[in-house]
Amino acid sequence: MALNAEEQERVVHAINVAENETSGEIRVVIENHCPDEVHDRATYYFSKLGMHKTMLKNGVLIYIALEDHKFSIIGDKGINQRVESDFGIVPKILWSKNSVWIKLLKVS
């Protein structure tokens, strides 16, 4: 269940919009299946992509396993310091009106 060209463009656009509205540096990893615990897989990619090396410690990794309908979002300490503990970054990035993420995750 790979993304087609239009879906890929929509993901890139959503990242650009989110990065323009926040200080976060956002990366997205999309796989069909998650071979590990979803948070562990996201942590692996967070490290592999060097998201912990951003100047402001504001890296955000969104990991999505499409066919498994799983996702995890990891923010570096700069992100965690800016948001309250009971506030997730999910609404800002994922659930905005007409969000590409809703369609990717098949959430209604």
PDB file of N, CA and C in Angstrom:
ATOM      1  N   MET A   1       0.838  -1.186   0.000  1.00  0.00           N
ATOM      2  CA  MET A   1       0.000   0.000   0.000  1.00  0.00           C
ATOM      3  C   MET A   1       0.881   1.248   0.000  1.00  0.00           C
ATOM      4  N   ALA A   2       1.709   1.362  -1.000  1.00  0.00           N
ATOM      5  CA  ALA A   2       2.584   2.528  -1.106  1.00  0.00           C
ATOM      6  C   ALA A   2       1.765   3.762  -1.487  1.00  0.00           C
ATOM      7  N   LEU A   3       2.325   4.908  -1.186  1.00  0.00           N
ATOM      8  CA  LEU A   3       1.657   6.155  -1.547  1.00  0.00           C
ATOM      9  C   LEU A   3       1.872   6.442  -3.024  1.00  0.00           C
ATOM     10  N   ASN A   4       0.839   6.926  -3.665  1.00  0.00           N
ATOM     11  CA  ASN A   4       1.006   7.342  -5.054  1.00  0.00           C
ATOM     12  C   ASN A   4       1.607   8.757  -5.061  1.00  0.00           C
ATOM     13  N   ALA A   5       1.908   9.256  -6.250  1.00  0.00           N
ATOM     14  CA  ALA A   5       2.578  10.558  -6.378  1.00  0.00           C
ATOM     15  C   ALA A   5       1.759  11.686  -5.755  1.00  0.00           C
ATOM     16  N   GLU A   6       0.455  11.672  -5.955  1.00  0.00           N
ATOM     17  CA  GLU A   6      -0.392  12.725  -5.387  1.00  0.00           C
ATOM     18  C   GLU A   6      -0.384  12.681  -3.862  1.00  0.00           C
ATOM     19  N   GLU A   7      -0.455  11.495  -3.301  1.00  0.00           N
ATOM     20  CA  GLU A   7      -0.426  11.363  -1.836  1.00  0.00           C
ATOM     21  C   GLU A   7       0.917  11.813  -1.291  1.00  0.00           C
ATOM     22  N   GLN A   8       2.002  11.480  -1.978  1.00  0.00           N
ATOM     23  CA  GLN A   8       3.330  11.914  -1.541  1.00  0.00           C
ATOM     24  C   GLN A   8       3.424  13.439  -1.554  1.00  0.00           C
ATOM     25  N   GLU A   9       2.893  14.057  -2.598  1.00  0.00           N
ATOM     26  CA  GLU A   9       2.890  15.523  -2.675  1.00  0.00           C
ATOM     27  C   GLU A   9       2.086  16.135  -1.533  1.00  0.00           C
ATOM     28  N   ARG A  10       0.970  15.511  -1.178  1.00  0.00           N
ATOM     29  CA  ARG A  10       0.140  16.018  -0.087  1.00  0.00           C
ATOM     30  C   ARG A  10       0.872  15.898   1.252  1.00  0.00           C
ATOM     31  N   VAL A  11       1.625  14.827   1.438  1.00  0.00           N
ATOM     32  CA  VAL A  11       2.410  14.667   2.664  1.00  0.00           C
ATOM     33  C   VAL A  11       3.476  15.758   2.741  1.00  0.00           C
ATOM     34  N   VAL A  12       4.193  15.960   1.656  1.00  0.00           N
ATOM     35  CA  VAL A  12       5.225  17.006   1.622  1.00  0.00           C
ATOM     36  C   VAL A  12       4.600  18.367   1.899  1.00  0.00           C
ATOM     37  N   HIS A  13       3.452  18.644   1.288  1.00  0.00           N
ATOM     38  CA  HIS A  13       2.770  19.919   1.525  1.00  0.00           C
ATOM     39  C   HIS A  13       2.372  20.060   2.998  1.00  0.00           C
ATOM     40  N   ALA A  14       1.827  18.998   3.591  1.00  0.00           N
ATOM     41  CA  ALA A  14       1.428  19.051   5.006  1.00  0.00           C
ATOM     42  C   ALA A  14       2.626  19.313   5.914  1.00  0.00           C
ATOM     43  N   ILE A  15       3.750  18.720   5.596  1.00  0.00           N
ATOM     44  CA  ILE A  15       4.971  18.967   6.381  1.00  0.00           C
ATOM     45  C   ILE A  15       5.393  20.424   6.235  1.00  0.00           C
ATOM     46  N   ASN A  16       5.390  20.933   5.011  1.00  0.00           N
ATOM     47  CA  ASN A  16       5.769  22.338   4.779  1.00  0.00           C
ATOM     48  C   ASN A  16       4.862  23.298   5.536  1.00  0.00           C
ATOM     49  N   VAL A  17       3.551  23.041   5.509  1.00  0.00           N
ATOM     50  CA  VAL A  17       2.606  23.893   6.233  1.00  0.00           C
ATOM     51  C   VAL A  17       2.910  23.849   7.728  1.00  0.00           C
ATOM     52  N   ALA A  18       3.082  22.655   8.270  1.00  0.00           N
ATOM     53  CA  ALA A  18       3.350  22.517   9.710  1.00  0.00           C
ATOM     54  C   ALA A  18       4.673  23.180  10.092  1.00  0.00           C
ATOM     55  N   GLU A  19       5.705  23.022   9.272  1.00  0.00           N
ATOM     56  CA  GLU A  19       6.997  23.638   9.583  1.00  0.00           C
ATOM     57  C   GLU A  19       6.922  25.158   9.495  1.00  0.00           C
ATOM     58  N   ASN A  20       6.080  25.687   8.624  1.00  0.00           N
ATOM     59  CA  ASN A  20       5.917  27.138   8.523  1.00  0.00           C
ATOM     60  C   ASN A  20       5.140  27.711   9.697  1.00  0.00           C
ATOM     61  N   GLU A  21       4.332  26.896  10.368  1.00  0.00           N
ATOM     62  CA  GLU A  21       3.524  27.359  11.497  1.00  0.00           C
ATOM     63  C   GLU A  21       4.172  27.082  12.847  1.00  0.00           C
ATOM     64  N   THR A  22       5.243  26.316  12.860  1.00  0.00           N
ATOM     65  CA  THR A  22       5.914  25.956  14.112  1.00  0.00           C
ATOM     66  C   THR A  22       7.425  26.067  13.917  1.00  0.00           C
ATOM     67  N   SER A  23       8.166  25.889  14.990  1.00  0.00           N
ATOM     68  CA  SER A  23       9.623  25.858  14.867  1.00  0.00           C
ATOM     69  C   SER A  23      10.122  24.434  14.654  1.00  0.00           C
ATOM     70  N   GLY A  24       9.231  23.476  14.680  1.00  0.00           N
ATOM     71  CA  GLY A  24       9.620  22.074  14.571  1.00  0.00           C
ATOM     72  C   GLY A  24      10.215  21.713  13.224  1.00  0.00           C
ATOM     73  N   GLU A  25      11.177  20.800  13.264  1.00  0.00           N
ATOM     74  CA  GLU A  25      11.751  20.213  12.056  1.00  0.00           C
ATOM     75  C   GLU A  25      11.155  18.817  11.961  1.00  0.00           C
ATOM     76  N   ILE A  26      10.345  18.595  10.946  1.00  0.00           N
ATOM     77  CA  ILE A  26       9.500  17.410  10.876  1.00  0.00           C
ATOM     78  C   ILE A  26       9.980  16.449   9.798  1.00  0.00           C
ATOM     79  N   ARG A  27      10.005  15.182  10.150  1.00  0.00           N
ATOM     80  CA  ARG A  27      10.275  14.113   9.201  1.00  0.00           C
ATOM     81  C   ARG A  27       9.161  13.085   9.347  1.00  0.00           C
ATOM     82  N   VAL A  28       8.847  12.428   8.257  1.00  0.00           N
ATOM     83  CA  VAL A  28       7.806  11.410   8.252  1.00  0.00           C
ATOM     84  C   VAL A  28       8.383  10.123   7.677  1.00  0.00           C
ATOM     85  N   VAL A  29       8.119   9.029   8.364  1.00  0.00           N
ATOM     86  CA  VAL A  29       8.489   7.709   7.863  1.00  0.00           C
ATOM     87  C   VAL A  29       7.195   6.923   7.707  1.00  0.00           C
ATOM     88  N   ILE A  30       6.985   6.410   6.493  1.00  0.00           N
ATOM     89  CA  ILE A  30       5.783   5.639   6.227  1.00  0.00           C
ATOM     90  C   ILE A  30       6.197   4.255   5.733  1.00  0.00           C
ATOM     91  N   GLU A  31       5.725   3.249   6.432  1.00  0.00           N
ATOM     92  CA  GLU A  31       5.935   1.862   6.035  1.00  0.00           C
ATOM     93  C   GLU A  31       4.579   1.180   5.971  1.00  0.00           C
ATOM     94  N   ASN A  32       4.512   0.074   5.269  1.00  0.00           N
ATOM     95  CA  ASN A  32       3.260  -0.676   5.244  1.00  0.00           C
ATOM     96  C   ASN A  32       3.026  -1.398   6.566  1.00  0.00           C
ATOM     97  N   HIS A  33       4.087  -2.036   7.081  1.00  0.00           N
ATOM     98  CA  HIS A  33       3.961  -2.813   8.320  1.00  0.00           C
ATOM     99  C   HIS A  33       5.044  -2.405   9.308  1.00  0.00           C
ATOM    100  N   CYS A  34       4.714  -2.481  10.563  1.00  0.00           N
ATOM    101  CA  CYS A  34       5.663  -2.175  11.637  1.00  0.00           C
ATOM    102  C   CYS A  34       6.152  -3.501  12.219  1.00  0.00           C
ATOM    103  N   PRO A  35       7.429  -3.835  11.995  1.00  0.00           N
ATOM    104  CA  PRO A  35       7.936  -5.125  12.469  1.00  0.00           C
ATOM    105  C   PRO A  35       8.213  -5.178  13.973  1.00  0.00           C
ATOM    106  N   ASP A  36       8.159  -4.043  14.636  1.00  0.00           N
ATOM    107  CA  ASP A  36       8.459  -3.954  16.068  1.00  0.00           C
ATOM    108  C   ASP A  36       7.306  -3.263  16.780  1.00  0.00           C
ATOM    109  N   GLU A  37       7.489  -3.002  18.055  1.00  0.00           N
ATOM    110  CA  GLU A  37       6.564  -2.135  18.786  1.00  0.00           C
ATOM    111  C   GLU A  37       6.645  -0.766  18.116  1.00  0.00           C
ATOM    112  N   VAL A  38       5.500  -0.145  17.892  1.00  0.00           N
ATOM    113  CA  VAL A  38       5.448   1.074  17.073  1.00  0.00           C
ATOM    114  C   VAL A  38       6.328   2.193  17.651  1.00  0.00           C
ATOM    115  N   HIS A  39       6.332   2.377  18.964  1.00  0.00           N
ATOM    116  CA  HIS A  39       7.163   3.432  19.557  1.00  0.00           C
ATOM    117  C   HIS A  39       8.649   3.105  19.387  1.00  0.00           C
ATOM    118  N   ASP A  40       9.005   1.840  19.506  1.00  0.00           N
ATOM    119  CA  ASP A  40      10.401   1.443  19.319  1.00  0.00           C
ATOM    120  C   ASP A  40      10.852   1.693  17.884  1.00  0.00           C
ATOM    121  N   ARG A  41       9.977   1.414  16.936  1.00  0.00           N
ATOM    122  CA  ARG A  41      10.312   1.633  15.525  1.00  0.00           C
ATOM    123  C   ARG A  41      10.482   3.126  15.253  1.00  0.00           C
ATOM    124  N   ALA A  42       9.599   3.939  15.811  1.00  0.00           N
ATOM    125  CA  ALA A  42       9.708   5.392  15.645  1.00  0.00           C
ATOM    126  C   ALA A  42      11.002   5.911  16.275  1.00  0.00           C
ATOM    127  N   THR A  43      11.345   5.396  17.439  1.00  0.00           N
ATOM    128  CA  THR A  43      12.578   5.794  18.121  1.00  0.00           C
ATOM    129  C   THR A  43      13.801   5.437  17.276  1.00  0.00           C
ATOM    130  N   TYR A  44      13.766   4.265  16.672  1.00  0.00           N
ATOM    131  CA  TYR A  44      14.856   3.837  15.791  1.00  0.00           C
ATOM    132  C   TYR A  44      15.049   4.848  14.654  1.00  0.00           C
ATOM    133  N   TYR A  45      13.970   5.223  13.981  1.00  0.00           N
ATOM    134  CA  TYR A  45      14.076   6.173  12.871  1.00  0.00           C
ATOM    135  C   TYR A  45      14.433   7.576  13.356  1.00  0.00           C
ATOM    136  N   PHE A  46      13.958   7.970  14.527  1.00  0.00           N
ATOM    137  CA  PHE A  46      14.303   9.272  15.094  1.00  0.00           C
ATOM    138  C   PHE A  46      15.823   9.380  15.202  1.00  0.00           C
ATOM    139  N   SER A  47      16.438   8.326  15.716  1.00  0.00           N
ATOM    140  CA  SER A  47      17.890   8.301  15.861  1.00  0.00           C
ATOM    141  C   SER A  47      18.586   8.171  14.506  1.00  0.00           C
ATOM    142  N   LYS A  48      18.116   7.255  13.667  1.00  0.00           N
ATOM    143  CA  LYS A  48      18.742   7.018  12.364  1.00  0.00           C
ATOM    144  C   LYS A  48      18.760   8.271  11.494  1.00  0.00           C
ATOM    145  N   LEU A  49      17.689   9.058  11.559  1.00  0.00           N
ATOM    146  CA  LEU A  49      17.593  10.274  10.757  1.00  0.00           C
ATOM    147  C   LEU A  49      18.243  11.490  11.422  1.00  0.00           C
ATOM    148  N   GLY A  50      18.814  11.295  12.606  1.00  0.00           N
ATOM    149  CA  GLY A  50      19.514  12.388  13.293  1.00  0.00           C
ATOM    150  C   GLY A  50      18.597  13.472  13.815  1.00  0.00           C
ATOM    151  N   MET A  51      17.372  13.113  14.123  1.00  0.00           N
ATOM    152  CA  MET A  51      16.405  14.113  14.584  1.00  0.00           C
ATOM    153  C   MET A  51      16.801  14.712  15.933  1.00  0.00           C
ATOM    154  N   HIS A  52      17.639  14.041  16.672  1.00  0.00           N
ATOM    155  CA  HIS A  52      18.113  14.541  17.967  1.00  0.00           C
ATOM    156  C   HIS A  52      19.253  15.552  17.809  1.00  0.00           C
ATOM    157  N   LYS A  53      19.664  15.799  16.588  1.00  0.00           N
ATOM    158  CA  LYS A  53      20.781  16.705  16.332  1.00  0.00           C
ATOM    159  C   LYS A  53      20.346  18.084  15.843  1.00  0.00           C
ATOM    160  N   THR A  54      19.057  18.390  15.859  1.00  0.00           N
ATOM    161  CA  THR A  54      18.615  19.706  15.406  1.00  0.00           C
ATOM    162  C   THR A  54      19.096  20.775  16.372  1.00  0.00           C
ATOM    163  N   MET A  55      19.397  21.946  15.853  1.00  0.00           N
ATOM    164  CA  MET A  55      19.976  23.019  16.656  1.00  0.00           C
ATOM    165  C   MET A  55      19.107  23.384  17.865  1.00  0.00           C
ATOM    166  N   LEU A  56      17.794  23.461  17.656  1.00  0.00           N
ATOM    167  CA  LEU A  56      16.888  23.863  18.734  1.00  0.00           C
ATOM    168  C   LEU A  56      16.278  22.675  19.477  1.00  0.00           C
ATOM    169  N   LYS A  57      16.784  21.472  19.182  1.00  0.00           N
ATOM    170  CA  LYS A  57      16.225  20.250  19.786  1.00  0.00           C
ATOM    171  C   LYS A  57      14.720  20.183  19.548  1.00  0.00           C
ATOM    172  N   ASN A  58      14.332  20.528  18.308  1.00  0.00           N
ATOM    173  CA  ASN A  58      12.914  20.622  17.981  1.00  0.00           C
ATOM    174  C   ASN A  58      12.502  19.637  16.878  1.00  0.00           C
ATOM    175  N   GLY A  59      13.234  18.526  16.802  1.00  0.00           N
ATOM    176  CA  GLY A  59      12.906  17.507  15.813  1.00  0.00           C
ATOM    177  C   GLY A  59      11.626  16.773  16.173  1.00  0.00           C
ATOM    178  N   VAL A  60      10.822  16.500  15.155  1.00  0.00           N
ATOM    179  CA  VAL A  60       9.594  15.730  15.321  1.00  0.00           C
ATOM    180  C   VAL A  60       9.586  14.642  14.260  1.00  0.00           C
ATOM    181  N   LEU A  61       9.407  13.407  14.695  1.00  0.00           N
ATOM    182  CA  LEU A  61       9.296  12.311  13.755  1.00  0.00           C
ATOM    183  C   LEU A  61       7.893  11.737  13.848  1.00  0.00           C
ATOM    184  N   ILE A  62       7.255  11.634  12.699  1.00  0.00           N
ATOM    185  CA  ILE A  62       5.944  10.998  12.613  1.00  0.00           C
ATOM    186  C   ILE A  62       6.160   9.665  11.908  1.00  0.00           C
ATOM    187  N   TYR A  63       5.889   8.587  12.606  1.00  0.00           N
ATOM    188  CA  TYR A  63       6.035   7.251  12.039  1.00  0.00           C
ATOM    189  C   TYR A  63       4.646   6.678  11.812  1.00  0.00           C
ATOM    190  N   ILE A  64       4.404   6.178  10.607  1.00  0.00           N
ATOM    191  CA  ILE A  64       3.100   5.610  10.258  1.00  0.00           C
ATOM    192  C   ILE A  64       3.302   4.247   9.613  1.00  0.00           C
ATOM    193  N   ALA A  65       2.611   3.236  10.133  1.00  0.00           N
ATOM    194  CA  ALA A  65       2.545   1.916   9.508  1.00  0.00           C
ATOM    195  C   ALA A  65       1.138   1.805   8.912  1.00  0.00           C
ATOM    196  N   LEU A  66       1.042   2.024   7.615  1.00  0.00           N
ATOM    197  CA  LEU A  66      -0.252   2.175   6.961  1.00  0.00           C
ATOM    198  C   LEU A  66      -1.172   0.963   7.127  1.00  0.00           C
ATOM    199  N   GLU A  67      -0.715  -0.190   6.748  1.00  0.00           N
ATOM    200  CA  GLU A  67      -1.589  -1.357   6.765  1.00  0.00           C
ATOM    201  C   GLU A  67      -1.884  -1.845   8.173  1.00  0.00           C
ATOM    202  N   ASP A  68      -0.992  -1.534   9.110  1.00  0.00           N
ATOM    203  CA  ASP A  68      -1.210  -1.923  10.511  1.00  0.00           C
ATOM    204  C   ASP A  68      -2.054  -0.901  11.253  1.00  0.00           C
ATOM    205  N   HIS A  69      -2.284   0.273  10.627  1.00  0.00           N
ATOM    206  CA  HIS A  69      -3.042   1.369  11.250  1.00  0.00           C
ATOM    207  C   HIS A  69      -2.431   1.761  12.600  1.00  0.00           C
ATOM    208  N   LYS A  70      -1.117   1.933  12.586  1.00  0.00           N
ATOM    209  CA  LYS A  70      -0.391   2.333  13.795  1.00  0.00           C
ATOM    210  C   LYS A  70       0.429   3.579  13.477  1.00  0.00           C
ATOM    211  N   PHE A  71       0.598   4.409  14.491  1.00  0.00           N
ATOM    212  CA  PHE A  71       1.496   5.547  14.320  1.00  0.00           C
ATOM    213  C   PHE A  71       2.076   5.938  15.665  1.00  0.00           C
ATOM    214  N   SER A  72       3.180   6.638  15.586  1.00  0.00           N
ATOM    215  CA  SER A  72       3.827   7.175  16.778  1.00  0.00           C
ATOM    216  C   SER A  72       4.463   8.499  16.394  1.00  0.00           C
ATOM    217  N   ILE A  73       4.451   9.421  17.324  1.00  0.00           N
ATOM    218  CA  ILE A  73       5.069  10.726  17.108  1.00  0.00           C
ATOM    219  C   ILE A  73       6.072  10.947  18.227  1.00  0.00           C
ATOM    220  N   ILE A  74       7.275  11.279  17.837  1.00  0.00           N
ATOM    221  CA  ILE A  74       8.329  11.537  18.820  1.00  0.00           C
ATOM    222  C   ILE A  74       8.827  12.960  18.622  1.00  0.00           C
ATOM    223  N   GLY A  75       8.868  13.711  19.715  1.00  0.00           N
ATOM    224  CA  GLY A  75       9.408  15.070  19.684  1.00  0.00           C
ATOM    225  C   GLY A  75      10.614  15.153  20.590  1.00  0.00           C
ATOM    226  N   ASP A  76      11.627  15.869  20.166  1.00  0.00           N
ATOM    227  CA  ASP A  76      12.832  16.055  20.974  1.00  0.00           C
ATOM    228  C   ASP A  76      12.515  16.961  22.167  1.00  0.00           C
ATOM    229  N   LYS A  77      13.499  17.143  23.031  1.00  0.00           N
ATOM    230  CA  LYS A  77      13.237  17.865  24.289  1.00  0.00           C
ATOM    231  C   LYS A  77      12.798  19.309  24.069  1.00  0.00           C
ATOM    232  N   GLY A  78      13.205  19.940  22.988  1.00  0.00           N
ATOM    233  CA  GLY A  78      12.760  21.302  22.702  1.00  0.00           C
ATOM    234  C   GLY A  78      11.267  21.359  22.448  1.00  0.00           C
ATOM    235  N   ILE A  79      10.740  20.348  21.795  1.00  0.00           N
ATOM    236  CA  ILE A  79       9.293  20.257  21.566  1.00  0.00           C
ATOM    237  C   ILE A  79       8.594  19.953  22.882  1.00  0.00           C
ATOM    238  N   ASN A  80       9.115  18.985  23.610  1.00  0.00           N
ATOM    239  CA  ASN A  80       8.498  18.594  24.877  1.00  0.00           C
ATOM    240  C   ASN A  80       8.458  19.736  25.884  1.00  0.00           C
ATOM    241  N   GLN A  81       9.434  20.625  25.858  1.00  0.00           N
ATOM    242  CA  GLN A  81       9.457  21.766  26.774  1.00  0.00           C
ATOM    243  C   GLN A  81       8.431  22.829  26.395  1.00  0.00           C
ATOM    244  N   ARG A  82       8.039  22.870  25.122  1.00  0.00           N
ATOM    245  CA  ARG A  82       7.123  23.912  24.658  1.00  0.00           C
ATOM    246  C   ARG A  82       5.655  23.536  24.745  1.00  0.00           C
ATOM    247  N   VAL A  83       5.372  22.265  24.894  1.00  0.00           N
ATOM    248  CA  VAL A  83       3.980  21.838  24.983  1.00  0.00           C
ATOM    249  C   VAL A  83       3.707  21.290  26.367  1.00  0.00           C
ATOM    250  N   GLU A  84       2.497  21.532  26.845  1.00  0.00           N
ATOM    251  CA  GLU A  84       2.113  21.029  28.149  1.00  0.00           C
ATOM    252  C   GLU A  84       2.046  19.519  28.100  1.00  0.00           C
ATOM    253  N   SER A  85       2.241  18.873  29.246  1.00  0.00           N
ATOM    254  CA  SER A  85       2.268  17.417  29.287  1.00  0.00           C
ATOM    255  C   SER A  85       0.958  16.790  28.849  1.00  0.00           C
ATOM    256  N   ASP A  86      -0.150  17.491  28.997  1.00  0.00           N
ATOM    257  CA  ASP A  86      -1.430  16.925  28.584  1.00  0.00           C
ATOM    258  C   ASP A  86      -1.852  17.384  27.188  1.00  0.00           C
ATOM    259  N   PHE A  87      -0.956  18.076  26.507  1.00  0.00           N
ATOM    260  CA  PHE A  87      -1.257  18.544  25.160  1.00  0.00           C
ATOM    261  C   PHE A  87      -0.390  17.797  24.174  1.00  0.00           C
ATOM    262  N   GLY A  88      -1.000  17.155  23.208  1.00  0.00           N
ATOM    263  CA  GLY A  88      -0.230  16.444  22.189  1.00  0.00           C
ATOM    264  C   GLY A  88      -0.033  17.304  20.973  1.00  0.00           C
ATOM    265  N   ILE A  89       1.038  17.059  20.271  1.00  0.00           N
ATOM    266  CA  ILE A  89       1.274  17.754  19.012  1.00  0.00           C
ATOM    267  C   ILE A  89       0.385  17.180  17.911  1.00  0.00           C
ATOM    268  N   VAL A  90      -0.247  16.044  18.204  1.00  0.00           N
ATOM    269  CA  VAL A  90      -1.089  15.365  17.216  1.00  0.00           C
ATOM    270  C   VAL A  90      -2.161  16.278  16.634  1.00  0.00           C
ATOM    271  N   PRO A  91      -2.950  16.997  17.429  1.00  0.00           N
ATOM    272  CA  PRO A  91      -4.001  17.814  16.816  1.00  0.00           C
ATOM    273  C   PRO A  91      -3.468  18.852  15.836  1.00  0.00           C
ATOM    274  N   LYS A  92      -2.358  19.468  16.153  1.00  0.00           N
ATOM    275  CA  LYS A  92      -1.807  20.525  15.301  1.00  0.00           C
ATOM    276  C   LYS A  92      -1.357  19.968  13.953  1.00  0.00           C
ATOM    277  N   ILE A  93      -0.666  18.840  13.984  1.00  0.00           N
ATOM    278  CA  ILE A  93      -0.068  18.309  12.767  1.00  0.00           C
ATOM    279  C   ILE A  93      -1.001  17.353  12.033  1.00  0.00           C
ATOM    280  N   LEU A  94      -1.659  16.476  12.768  1.00  0.00           N
ATOM    281  CA  LEU A  94      -2.402  15.401  12.120  1.00  0.00           C
ATOM    282  C   LEU A  94      -3.850  15.686  11.829  1.00  0.00           C
ATOM    283  N   TRP A  95      -4.537  16.342  12.746  1.00  0.00           N
ATOM    284  CA  TRP A  95      -5.986  16.363  12.638  1.00  0.00           C
ATOM    285  C   TRP A  95      -6.552  17.684  12.152  1.00  0.00           C
ATOM    286  N   SER A  96      -5.749  18.489  11.497  1.00  0.00           N
ATOM    287  CA  SER A  96      -6.266  19.741  10.970  1.00  0.00           C
ATOM    288  C   SER A  96      -7.296  19.473   9.874  1.00  0.00           C
ATOM    289  N   LYS A  97      -8.111  20.461   9.602  1.00  0.00           N
ATOM    290  CA  LYS A  97      -9.188  20.327   8.617  1.00  0.00           C
ATOM    291  C   LYS A  97      -8.638  19.837   7.271  1.00  0.00           C
ATOM    292  N   ASN A  98      -9.285  18.830   6.721  1.00  0.00           N
ATOM    293  CA  ASN A  98      -8.888  18.241   5.441  1.00  0.00           C
ATOM    294  C   ASN A  98      -7.462  17.697   5.446  1.00  0.00           C
ATOM    295  N   SER A  99      -7.029  17.197   6.571  1.00  0.00           N
ATOM    296  CA  SER A  99      -5.656  16.720   6.714  1.00  0.00           C
ATOM    297  C   SER A  99      -5.392  15.473   5.882  1.00  0.00           C
ATOM    298  N   VAL A 100      -4.242  15.461   5.237  1.00  0.00           N
ATOM    299  CA  VAL A 100      -3.810  14.275   4.504  1.00  0.00           C
ATOM    300  C   VAL A 100      -3.605  13.101   5.453  1.00  0.00           C
ATOM    301  N   TRP A 101      -3.243  13.386   6.694  1.00  0.00           N
ATOM    302  CA  TRP A 101      -2.962  12.307   7.651  1.00  0.00           C
ATOM    303  C   TRP A 101      -4.224  11.517   7.973  1.00  0.00           C
ATOM    304  N   ILE A 102      -5.355  12.182   8.050  1.00  0.00           N
ATOM    305  CA  ILE A 102      -6.597  11.474   8.339  1.00  0.00           C
ATOM    306  C   ILE A 102      -6.848  10.427   7.252  1.00  0.00           C
ATOM    307  N   LYS A 103      -6.646  10.800   6.008  1.00  0.00           N
ATOM    308  CA  LYS A 103      -6.871   9.863   4.925  1.00  0.00           C
ATOM    309  C   LYS A 103      -5.831   8.755   4.938  1.00  0.00           C
ATOM    310  N   LEU A 104      -4.600   9.056   5.259  1.00  0.00           N
ATOM    311  CA  LEU A 104      -3.575   8.024   5.302  1.00  0.00           C
ATOM    312  C   LEU A 104      -3.863   6.987   6.378  1.00  0.00           C
ATOM    313  N   LEU A 105      -4.321   7.461   7.525  1.00  0.00           N
ATOM    314  CA  LEU A 105      -4.568   6.549   8.643  1.00  0.00           C
ATOM    315  C   LEU A 105      -5.991   5.975   8.618  1.00  0.00           C
ATOM    316  N   LYS A 106      -6.796   6.463   7.680  1.00  0.00           N
ATOM    317  CA  LYS A 106      -8.178   6.005   7.547  1.00  0.00           C
ATOM    318  C   LYS A 106      -8.955   6.188   8.856  1.00  0.00           C
ATOM    319  N   VAL A 107      -8.809   7.370   9.425  1.00  0.00           N
ATOM    320  CA  VAL A 107      -9.508   7.736  10.658  1.00  0.00           C
ATOM    321  C   VAL A 107     -10.667   8.624  10.279  1.00  0.00           C
ATOM    322  N   SER A 108     -11.832   8.362  10.871  1.00  0.00           N
ATOM    323  CA  SER A 108     -12.978   9.215  10.541  1.00  0.00           C
ATOM    324  C   SER A 108     -13.255  10.191  11.664  1.00  0.00           C
TER     325      SER A 108
END
